[in-house]
Protein backbone atom coordinates (compact mmCIF):
# COMPACT_ATOMS: atom_id res chain seq x y z
CA MET A 1 -22.06 -212.68 30.24
CA ALA A 2 -19.21 -214.58 31.79
CA ASP A 3 -17.61 -217.41 29.89
CA GLY A 4 -20.22 -220.15 29.89
CA GLY A 5 -23.28 -217.89 29.59
CA VAL A 6 -23.74 -216.40 33.06
CA ALA A 7 -25.40 -212.99 33.27
CA GLY A 8 -25.33 -210.84 36.40
CA LEU A 9 -28.54 -209.73 38.10
CA VAL A 10 -28.36 -207.10 40.85
CA LEU A 11 -31.51 -206.26 42.81
CA ALA A 12 -31.33 -202.55 43.65
CA ALA A 13 -34.94 -201.37 43.69
CA GLY A 14 -35.69 -200.92 47.39
CA ALA A 15 -36.44 -197.65 49.13
CA GLY A 16 -34.22 -198.41 52.14
CA ARG A 17 -36.74 -196.94 54.54
CA ARG A 18 -34.87 -198.05 57.66
CA MET A 19 -31.66 -196.70 56.16
CA GLY A 20 -33.28 -193.35 55.39
CA GLY A 21 -32.96 -193.70 51.61
CA PRO A 22 -32.25 -196.20 48.82
CA LYS A 23 -29.28 -198.36 49.75
CA ALA A 24 -28.26 -198.48 46.10
CA LEU A 25 -27.26 -194.81 46.41
CA LEU A 26 -25.41 -195.20 49.71
CA ARG A 27 -21.68 -194.48 49.79
CA LEU A 28 -19.55 -196.09 52.45
CA SER A 29 -17.13 -193.15 52.27
CA PRO A 30 -17.78 -189.56 51.15
CA SER A 31 -15.71 -189.89 47.98
CA GLY A 32 -16.36 -193.56 47.28
CA PRO A 33 -18.72 -195.18 44.78
CA SER A 34 -22.35 -195.92 45.55
CA LEU A 35 -23.31 -199.46 46.49
CA VAL A 36 -24.93 -200.08 43.11
CA GLU A 37 -21.74 -199.03 41.32
CA THR A 38 -19.70 -201.27 43.61
CA ALA A 39 -21.95 -204.29 43.04
CA ILE A 40 -21.77 -203.95 39.25
CA ALA A 41 -18.02 -203.35 39.19
CA ARG A 42 -17.34 -206.41 41.33
CA LEU A 43 -19.36 -208.66 39.04
CA HIS A 44 -17.52 -207.25 36.03
CA ASP A 45 -14.19 -207.86 37.75
CA ALA A 46 -15.24 -211.47 38.40
CA GLY A 47 -15.71 -211.97 34.65
CA VAL A 48 -19.45 -211.35 34.30
CA VAL A 49 -19.78 -209.12 31.25
CA ASP A 50 -23.53 -208.42 31.15
CA VAL A 51 -24.82 -207.18 34.49
CA HIS A 52 -28.53 -206.36 34.66
CA VAL A 53 -29.68 -204.08 37.47
CA VAL A 54 -33.28 -203.88 38.65
CA VAL A 55 -34.20 -200.36 39.77
CA GLY A 56 -37.36 -199.01 41.37
CA SER A 57 -37.20 -196.42 44.14
CA SER A 58 -35.33 -193.27 43.01
CA ALA A 59 -35.06 -195.00 39.62
CA GLU A 60 -33.57 -192.02 37.80
CA GLN A 61 -30.69 -191.56 40.25
CA VAL A 62 -29.94 -195.27 40.57
CA THR A 63 -30.10 -195.68 36.79
CA ALA A 64 -27.55 -192.91 36.27
CA ARG A 65 -25.08 -194.52 38.64
CA ALA A 66 -25.64 -198.02 37.30
CA GLN A 67 -25.14 -196.96 33.69
CA ARG A 68 -22.02 -195.03 34.64
CA VAL A 69 -20.26 -198.36 35.28
CA GLY A 70 -21.88 -200.33 32.47
CA GLY A 71 -24.96 -201.78 34.15
CA ILE A 72 -27.94 -202.80 32.00
CA VAL A 73 -30.93 -201.20 33.72
CA VAL A 74 -34.33 -202.84 34.09
CA GLU A 75 -37.10 -200.98 35.91
CA ALA A 76 -39.58 -202.74 38.18
CA THR A 77 -42.60 -200.42 38.35
CA ASP A 78 -44.12 -202.58 41.08
CA TRP A 79 -40.93 -202.57 43.19
CA ASP A 80 -42.84 -201.49 46.31
CA ASP A 81 -44.53 -204.91 46.42
CA GLY A 82 -41.24 -206.32 47.74
CA MET A 83 -38.10 -208.09 46.61
CA GLY A 84 -40.15 -210.71 44.81
CA ALA A 85 -41.36 -208.11 42.30
CA SER A 86 -37.79 -207.04 41.55
CA LEU A 87 -36.66 -210.64 41.09
CA ARG A 88 -39.56 -211.40 38.77
CA ARG A 89 -38.79 -208.37 36.62
CA GLY A 90 -35.09 -209.24 36.46
CA LEU A 91 -35.78 -212.82 35.37
CA GLU A 92 -38.23 -211.58 32.74
CA ALA A 93 -35.51 -209.37 31.29
CA LEU A 94 -32.97 -212.19 31.29
CA ALA A 95 -35.42 -214.51 29.52
CA ASP A 96 -34.95 -212.37 26.40
CA THR A 97 -31.17 -212.89 26.44
CA GLY A 98 -28.98 -215.85 25.58
CA ALA A 99 -27.92 -216.36 29.20
CA GLU A 100 -28.03 -219.91 30.53
CA ALA A 101 -27.74 -218.85 34.16
CA ALA A 102 -28.02 -215.77 36.35
CA LEU A 103 -25.59 -214.77 39.09
CA LEU A 104 -28.00 -213.08 41.48
CA MET A 105 -26.71 -210.45 43.90
CA LEU A 106 -28.30 -208.00 46.33
CA VAL A 107 -27.06 -204.41 46.34
CA ASP A 108 -26.67 -204.12 50.11
CA LEU A 109 -23.90 -206.66 50.81
CA PRO A 110 -20.82 -204.44 50.96
CA ASP A 111 -18.24 -207.04 52.01
CA VAL A 112 -19.17 -209.62 49.35
CA GLY A 113 -16.39 -208.98 46.88
CA VAL A 114 -14.85 -210.28 43.70
CA GLU A 115 -13.29 -213.28 45.44
CA VAL A 116 -16.70 -214.55 46.55
CA HIS A 117 -18.17 -214.20 43.06
CA ALA A 118 -15.16 -215.94 41.55
CA ARG A 119 -15.43 -218.87 43.95
CA VAL A 120 -19.13 -219.34 43.31
CA LEU A 121 -18.59 -219.14 39.55
CA ALA A 122 -15.70 -221.60 39.80
CA SER A 123 -18.05 -224.12 41.42
CA ILE A 124 -19.84 -224.44 38.08
CA VAL A 125 -16.59 -225.34 36.38
CA SER A 126 -15.78 -227.92 39.05
CA GLN A 127 -19.22 -229.45 38.62
CA GLY A 128 -18.67 -229.76 34.89
CA GLU A 129 -15.31 -231.43 35.44
CA SER A 130 -16.63 -233.90 38.00
CA GLU A 131 -17.23 -237.51 37.03
CA GLY A 132 -20.91 -237.32 37.77
CA PRO A 133 -23.61 -235.82 39.96
CA ASP A 134 -23.29 -235.94 43.73
CA GLU A 135 -26.80 -235.92 45.16
CA SER A 136 -25.49 -235.19 48.66
CA GLU A 137 -24.25 -231.81 47.48
CA GLY A 138 -27.69 -230.55 46.44
CA GLU A 139 -29.84 -230.38 43.34
CA GLY A 140 -27.59 -227.77 41.76
CA ARG A 141 -24.93 -230.36 41.02
CA ARG A 142 -25.51 -231.76 37.53
CA GLU A 143 -22.50 -232.40 35.36
CA GLY A 144 -21.91 -230.01 32.48
CA ASP A 145 -25.41 -228.45 32.51
CA LEU A 146 -25.28 -224.75 33.30
CA ALA A 147 -29.00 -224.27 32.73
CA ALA A 148 -29.69 -226.69 35.61
CA ALA A 149 -27.26 -225.03 38.05
CA LEU A 150 -28.53 -224.06 41.48
CA VAL A 151 -25.68 -222.75 43.61
CA ARG A 152 -25.55 -220.51 46.67
CA ALA A 153 -22.77 -218.90 48.67
CA ALA A 154 -22.68 -219.79 52.35
CA TYR A 155 -21.03 -218.03 55.29
CA GLU A 156 -20.09 -220.40 58.12
CA GLY A 157 -22.83 -222.67 56.84
CA ARG A 158 -25.45 -219.91 56.59
CA PRO A 159 -26.87 -219.62 53.03
CA GLY A 160 -26.56 -216.19 51.46
CA HIS A 161 -25.67 -214.41 48.22
CA PRO A 162 -24.60 -214.49 45.47
CA VAL A 163 -26.75 -217.23 44.00
CA ILE A 164 -26.49 -218.94 40.62
CA LEU A 165 -29.86 -219.75 39.08
CA GLY A 166 -29.77 -221.87 35.94
CA ARG A 167 -32.33 -221.03 33.26
CA GLU A 168 -34.31 -224.21 34.00
CA HIS A 169 -35.23 -222.74 37.40
CA TRP A 170 -36.20 -219.26 36.27
CA GLN A 171 -39.91 -219.76 35.62
CA ALA A 172 -40.51 -221.64 38.86
CA VAL A 173 -38.55 -219.05 40.86
CA HIS A 174 -40.47 -216.28 39.07
CA ASP A 175 -43.81 -217.84 39.96
CA SER A 176 -42.87 -218.39 43.62
CA ALA A 177 -41.31 -214.96 44.21
CA VAL A 178 -43.85 -212.97 46.21
CA GLY A 179 -43.52 -210.21 48.79
CA ASP A 180 -40.05 -210.00 50.27
CA HIS A 181 -39.39 -213.73 49.99
CA GLY A 182 -37.55 -213.61 46.66
CA ALA A 183 -36.34 -217.15 45.92
CA ARG A 184 -36.57 -218.26 49.56
CA ASP A 185 -39.53 -220.60 49.12
CA TYR A 186 -37.96 -222.19 46.05
CA PHE A 187 -34.77 -222.93 47.96
CA LEU A 188 -36.76 -224.60 50.71
CA ALA A 189 -38.05 -227.09 48.16
CA HIS A 190 -34.92 -227.40 46.00
CA ARG A 191 -31.55 -227.74 47.69
CA PRO A 192 -28.80 -225.64 46.10
CA LEU A 193 -25.15 -226.56 46.13
CA LEU A 194 -23.66 -224.52 48.99
CA VAL A 195 -20.24 -222.97 48.40
CA GLU A 196 -18.58 -221.94 51.66
CA CYS A 197 -17.23 -218.38 51.53
CA GLY A 198 -17.01 -217.53 55.22
CA ASP A 199 -13.25 -217.10 54.94
CA LEU A 200 -13.79 -214.31 52.39
CA ALA A 201 -16.72 -212.29 53.76
CA THR A 202 -19.51 -212.22 56.34
CA GLY A 203 -22.28 -211.98 53.75
CA ARG A 204 -24.25 -209.66 56.03
CA ASP A 205 -26.46 -206.92 54.65
CA ILE A 206 -26.71 -203.35 55.87
CA ASP A 207 -30.17 -202.31 56.95
CA ARG A 208 -29.78 -199.29 59.24
CA PRO A 209 -27.29 -196.41 59.50
CA THR A 210 -25.70 -198.13 62.50
CA ASP A 211 -24.76 -201.08 60.27
CA VAL A 212 -22.41 -198.97 58.17
């Protein structure tokens, strides 16, 4: 965990059917690391010590690469039900830890780097140092209470990842995560604090070979 009790959670269970294989195993250069290795390493470099990785499709291969760089592997046997299944399994695993919040990241966002993670994590510190809550900034802004944090990176105003989910939100997010929606429905009902990161990355995912 990062200082303050934040654990990383990388969703890397998908089959990547439109990509032609699991995106977690994709390399952006022939000799470079896989996307799952990159995602874990970037979270570590941002100060997140414990990074949990949800695997599903090609679980054995993804597990080997995740563990190579210190990822804590969690398998979602129902991964084919959609992203919601992976998110539920990841939150279940974190519930057994001492983490007060999860820094949630998708495996297929290659230009979201350490600087983005660091800025989103720093927003928690700035909230704790503020004089009080600012309701206009979203429900994630509550002074000094990491377990209540609800923070999301934004790219030119467009919400994206990573996301910080405080422990208080985990059960409700778990219960609302169905299909490929993940936490989408929860965010429609509960406004996160948006942290603009458009100067650091695009936040776009890669879905097809032409996106690489």
